[in-house]
Amino acid sequence: MQQAAAGEAFFVSDFDPIIPLPKAAELLGTTRGNAWKWVRSGLLPTPIKLTPRRCGWRKSTLEAFIASREKVA
């Protein structure tokens, strides 16, 4: 990753935010419970643990999952 010079800002084009479970379920068009079922069955990748009670997925991971499901349908 590039380093900005002192006092200089730059745009980070490779920003990949973490999407929390409620928003991820909404994006996937399912419930939180179904999202966990998909994780347990191996259909959806394991989320990133943020705190003991909070987790999420990288936006790129969810986009790749959706793209892979479009190929199946």
N, C-alpha and C. Protein backbone atom coordinates (compact mmCIF):
# COMPACT_ATOMS: atom_id res chain seq x y z
N MET A 1 0.84 -1.18 0.00
CA MET A 1 0.00 0.00 0.00
C MET A 1 0.89 1.24 0.00
N GLN A 2 0.46 2.26 -0.71
CA GLN A 2 1.23 3.49 -0.81
C GLN A 2 1.21 4.24 0.52
N GLN A 3 2.27 4.97 0.74
CA GLN A 3 2.34 5.85 1.90
C GLN A 3 2.17 7.29 1.42
N ALA A 4 1.37 8.07 2.13
CA ALA A 4 1.19 9.48 1.79
C ALA A 4 2.32 10.28 2.43
N ALA A 5 2.78 11.28 1.71
CA ALA A 5 3.79 12.18 2.26
C ALA A 5 3.16 12.98 3.40
N ALA A 6 3.99 13.56 4.24
CA ALA A 6 3.50 14.33 5.38
C ALA A 6 2.53 15.41 4.91
N GLY A 7 1.34 15.43 5.48
CA GLY A 7 0.35 16.43 5.16
C GLY A 7 -0.38 16.18 3.85
N GLU A 8 -0.12 15.07 3.19
CA GLU A 8 -0.74 14.79 1.90
C GLU A 8 -1.73 13.64 2.06
N ALA A 9 -2.92 13.81 1.53
CA ALA A 9 -3.92 12.75 1.57
C ALA A 9 -3.96 12.06 0.22
N PHE A 10 -4.38 10.83 0.22
CA PHE A 10 -4.54 10.12 -1.04
C PHE A 10 -5.76 9.21 -0.95
N PHE A 11 -6.30 8.86 -2.09
CA PHE A 11 -7.49 8.04 -2.17
C PHE A 11 -7.09 6.57 -2.15
N VAL A 12 -7.73 5.79 -1.30
CA VAL A 12 -7.45 4.36 -1.22
C VAL A 12 -8.51 3.65 -2.06
N SER A 13 -8.11 3.16 -3.21
CA SER A 13 -9.06 2.54 -4.12
C SER A 13 -9.34 1.08 -3.78
N ASP A 14 -8.51 0.48 -2.95
CA ASP A 14 -8.72 -0.92 -2.61
C ASP A 14 -9.45 -1.12 -1.28
N PHE A 15 -10.24 -0.13 -0.89
CA PHE A 15 -11.00 -0.20 0.36
C PHE A 15 -12.04 -1.30 0.26
N ASP A 16 -12.06 -2.22 1.19
CA ASP A 16 -12.98 -3.35 1.19
C ASP A 16 -13.62 -3.44 2.57
N PRO A 17 -14.76 -2.75 2.77
CA PRO A 17 -15.34 -2.68 4.11
C PRO A 17 -15.87 -4.03 4.60
N ILE A 18 -15.99 -4.14 5.91
CA ILE A 18 -16.57 -5.33 6.52
C ILE A 18 -18.07 -5.05 6.72
N ILE A 19 -18.89 -5.96 6.21
CA ILE A 19 -20.34 -5.81 6.29
C ILE A 19 -20.83 -6.67 7.46
N PRO A 20 -21.49 -6.06 8.46
CA PRO A 20 -21.96 -6.83 9.62
C PRO A 20 -23.11 -7.77 9.23
N LEU A 21 -23.33 -8.77 10.05
CA LEU A 21 -24.32 -9.82 9.77
C LEU A 21 -25.70 -9.28 9.37
N PRO A 22 -26.32 -8.34 10.08
CA PRO A 22 -27.65 -7.90 9.67
C PRO A 22 -27.66 -7.32 8.24
N LYS A 23 -26.67 -6.51 7.91
CA LYS A 23 -26.59 -5.93 6.57
C LYS A 23 -26.25 -7.00 5.53
N ALA A 24 -25.39 -7.94 5.91
CA ALA A 24 -25.01 -9.03 4.99
C ALA A 24 -26.24 -9.87 4.65
N ALA A 25 -27.03 -10.21 5.66
CA ALA A 25 -28.25 -11.00 5.43
C ALA A 25 -29.19 -10.24 4.49
N GLU A 26 -29.32 -8.95 4.70
CA GLU A 26 -30.17 -8.12 3.85
C GLU A 26 -29.64 -8.13 2.41
N LEU A 27 -28.34 -7.97 2.26
CA LEU A 27 -27.71 -7.98 0.95
C LEU A 27 -27.91 -9.32 0.24
N LEU A 28 -27.87 -10.41 1.01
CA LEU A 28 -28.04 -11.74 0.45
C LEU A 28 -29.50 -12.12 0.24
N GLY A 29 -30.41 -11.29 0.76
CA GLY A 29 -31.84 -11.56 0.60
C GLY A 29 -32.33 -12.71 1.47
N THR A 30 -31.77 -12.83 2.66
CA THR A 30 -32.14 -13.91 3.56
C THR A 30 -32.20 -13.38 4.99
N THR A 31 -32.41 -14.29 5.93
CA THR A 31 -32.43 -13.92 7.34
C THR A 31 -31.07 -14.17 7.96
N ARG A 32 -30.85 -13.64 9.15
CA ARG A 32 -29.59 -13.90 9.87
C ARG A 32 -29.46 -15.39 10.18
N GLY A 33 -30.57 -16.01 10.55
CA GLY A 33 -30.55 -17.44 10.85
C GLY A 33 -30.14 -18.28 9.64
N ASN A 34 -30.68 -17.95 8.48
CA ASN A 34 -30.31 -18.69 7.27
C ASN A 34 -28.85 -18.45 6.90
N ALA A 35 -28.37 -17.24 7.12
CA ALA A 35 -26.96 -16.95 6.84
C ALA A 35 -26.08 -17.86 7.68
N TRP A 36 -26.43 -18.05 8.97
CA TRP A 36 -25.65 -18.94 9.83
C TRP A 36 -25.76 -20.39 9.38
N LYS A 37 -26.94 -20.79 8.91
CA LYS A 37 -27.10 -22.16 8.38
C LYS A 37 -26.18 -22.36 7.18
N TRP A 38 -26.10 -21.34 6.32
CA TRP A 38 -25.22 -21.43 5.14
C TRP A 38 -23.76 -21.53 5.55
N VAL A 39 -23.37 -20.82 6.62
CA VAL A 39 -21.99 -20.90 7.12
C VAL A 39 -21.72 -22.30 7.65
N ARG A 40 -22.63 -22.83 8.48
CA ARG A 40 -22.44 -24.17 9.05
C ARG A 40 -22.39 -25.26 7.97
N SER A 41 -23.14 -25.07 6.89
CA SER A 41 -23.15 -26.08 5.83
C SER A 41 -21.98 -25.90 4.85
N GLY A 42 -21.23 -24.80 4.99
CA GLY A 42 -20.09 -24.57 4.11
C GLY A 42 -20.44 -23.81 2.84
N LEU A 43 -21.69 -23.42 2.69
CA LEU A 43 -22.12 -22.68 1.50
C LEU A 43 -21.58 -21.26 1.51
N LEU A 44 -21.64 -20.60 2.66
CA LEU A 44 -21.16 -19.23 2.83
C LEU A 44 -19.86 -19.26 3.63
N PRO A 45 -18.84 -18.51 3.21
CA PRO A 45 -17.56 -18.51 3.96
C PRO A 45 -17.74 -18.05 5.41
N THR A 46 -16.85 -18.49 6.26
CA THR A 46 -16.86 -18.10 7.66
C THR A 46 -16.62 -16.59 7.79
N PRO A 47 -17.39 -15.91 8.62
CA PRO A 47 -17.21 -14.46 8.78
C PRO A 47 -15.97 -14.12 9.60
N ILE A 48 -15.62 -12.85 9.57
CA ILE A 48 -14.51 -12.31 10.36
C ILE A 48 -15.07 -11.95 11.74
N LYS A 49 -14.43 -12.41 12.79
CA LYS A 49 -14.85 -12.10 14.16
C LYS A 49 -14.34 -10.71 14.52
N LEU A 50 -15.24 -9.78 14.81
CA LEU A 50 -14.86 -8.40 15.14
C LEU A 50 -14.76 -8.19 16.65
N THR A 51 -15.73 -8.70 17.37
CA THR A 51 -15.75 -8.68 18.83
C THR A 51 -16.34 -10.02 19.26
N PRO A 52 -16.41 -10.30 20.56
CA PRO A 52 -17.02 -11.57 20.97
C PRO A 52 -18.45 -11.77 20.47
N ARG A 53 -19.18 -10.68 20.23
CA ARG A 53 -20.58 -10.80 19.82
C ARG A 53 -20.88 -10.20 18.45
N ARG A 54 -19.85 -9.87 17.69
CA ARG A 54 -20.07 -9.21 16.40
C ARG A 54 -19.12 -9.79 15.35
N CYS A 55 -19.69 -10.03 14.16
CA CYS A 55 -18.88 -10.54 13.06
C CYS A 55 -19.38 -9.94 11.76
N GLY A 56 -18.62 -10.16 10.70
CA GLY A 56 -19.02 -9.64 9.40
C GLY A 56 -18.16 -10.25 8.30
N TRP A 57 -18.52 -9.93 7.08
CA TRP A 57 -17.80 -10.41 5.91
C TRP A 57 -17.27 -9.22 5.12
N ARG A 58 -16.16 -9.41 4.44
CA ARG A 58 -15.67 -8.38 3.53
C ARG A 58 -16.68 -8.24 2.40
N LYS A 59 -16.89 -7.04 1.94
CA LYS A 59 -17.84 -6.80 0.86
C LYS A 59 -17.48 -7.63 -0.36
N SER A 60 -16.20 -7.75 -0.66
CA SER A 60 -15.76 -8.53 -1.82
C SER A 60 -16.11 -10.01 -1.67
N THR A 61 -16.08 -10.53 -0.45
CA THR A 61 -16.43 -11.92 -0.20
C THR A 61 -17.91 -12.16 -0.50
N LEU A 62 -18.76 -11.23 -0.04
CA LEU A 62 -20.20 -11.36 -0.30
C LEU A 62 -20.50 -11.21 -1.78
N GLU A 63 -19.81 -10.28 -2.45
CA GLU A 63 -20.03 -10.10 -3.89
C GLU A 63 -19.62 -11.35 -4.66
N ALA A 64 -18.50 -11.97 -4.26
CA ALA A 64 -18.05 -13.21 -4.91
C ALA A 64 -19.05 -14.34 -4.66
N PHE A 65 -19.60 -14.42 -3.45
CA PHE A 65 -20.59 -15.44 -3.13
C PHE A 65 -21.83 -15.26 -4.01
N ILE A 66 -22.32 -14.03 -4.11
CA ILE A 66 -23.50 -13.76 -4.93
C ILE A 66 -23.22 -14.12 -6.39
N ALA A 67 -22.06 -13.75 -6.89
CA ALA A 67 -21.69 -14.07 -8.28
C ALA A 67 -21.65 -15.58 -8.49
N SER A 68 -21.11 -16.31 -7.52
CA SER A 68 -21.04 -17.77 -7.67
C SER A 68 -22.43 -18.40 -7.66
N ARG A 69 -23.35 -17.84 -6.90
CA ARG A 69 -24.72 -18.36 -6.85
C ARG A 69 -25.47 -18.03 -8.14
N GLU A 70 -25.14 -16.90 -8.77
CA GLU A 70 -25.79 -16.55 -10.04
C GLU A 70 -25.43 -17.56 -11.11
N LYS A 71 -24.20 -18.10 -11.07
CA LYS A 71 -23.76 -19.09 -12.04
C LYS A 71 -24.52 -20.40 -11.85
N VAL A 72 -24.89 -20.71 -10.61
CA VAL A 72 -25.58 -21.97 -10.31
C VAL A 72 -27.04 -21.90 -10.78
N ALA A 73 -27.65 -20.74 -10.59
CA ALA A 73 -29.09 -20.58 -10.89
C ALA A 73 -29.40 -20.62 -12.36
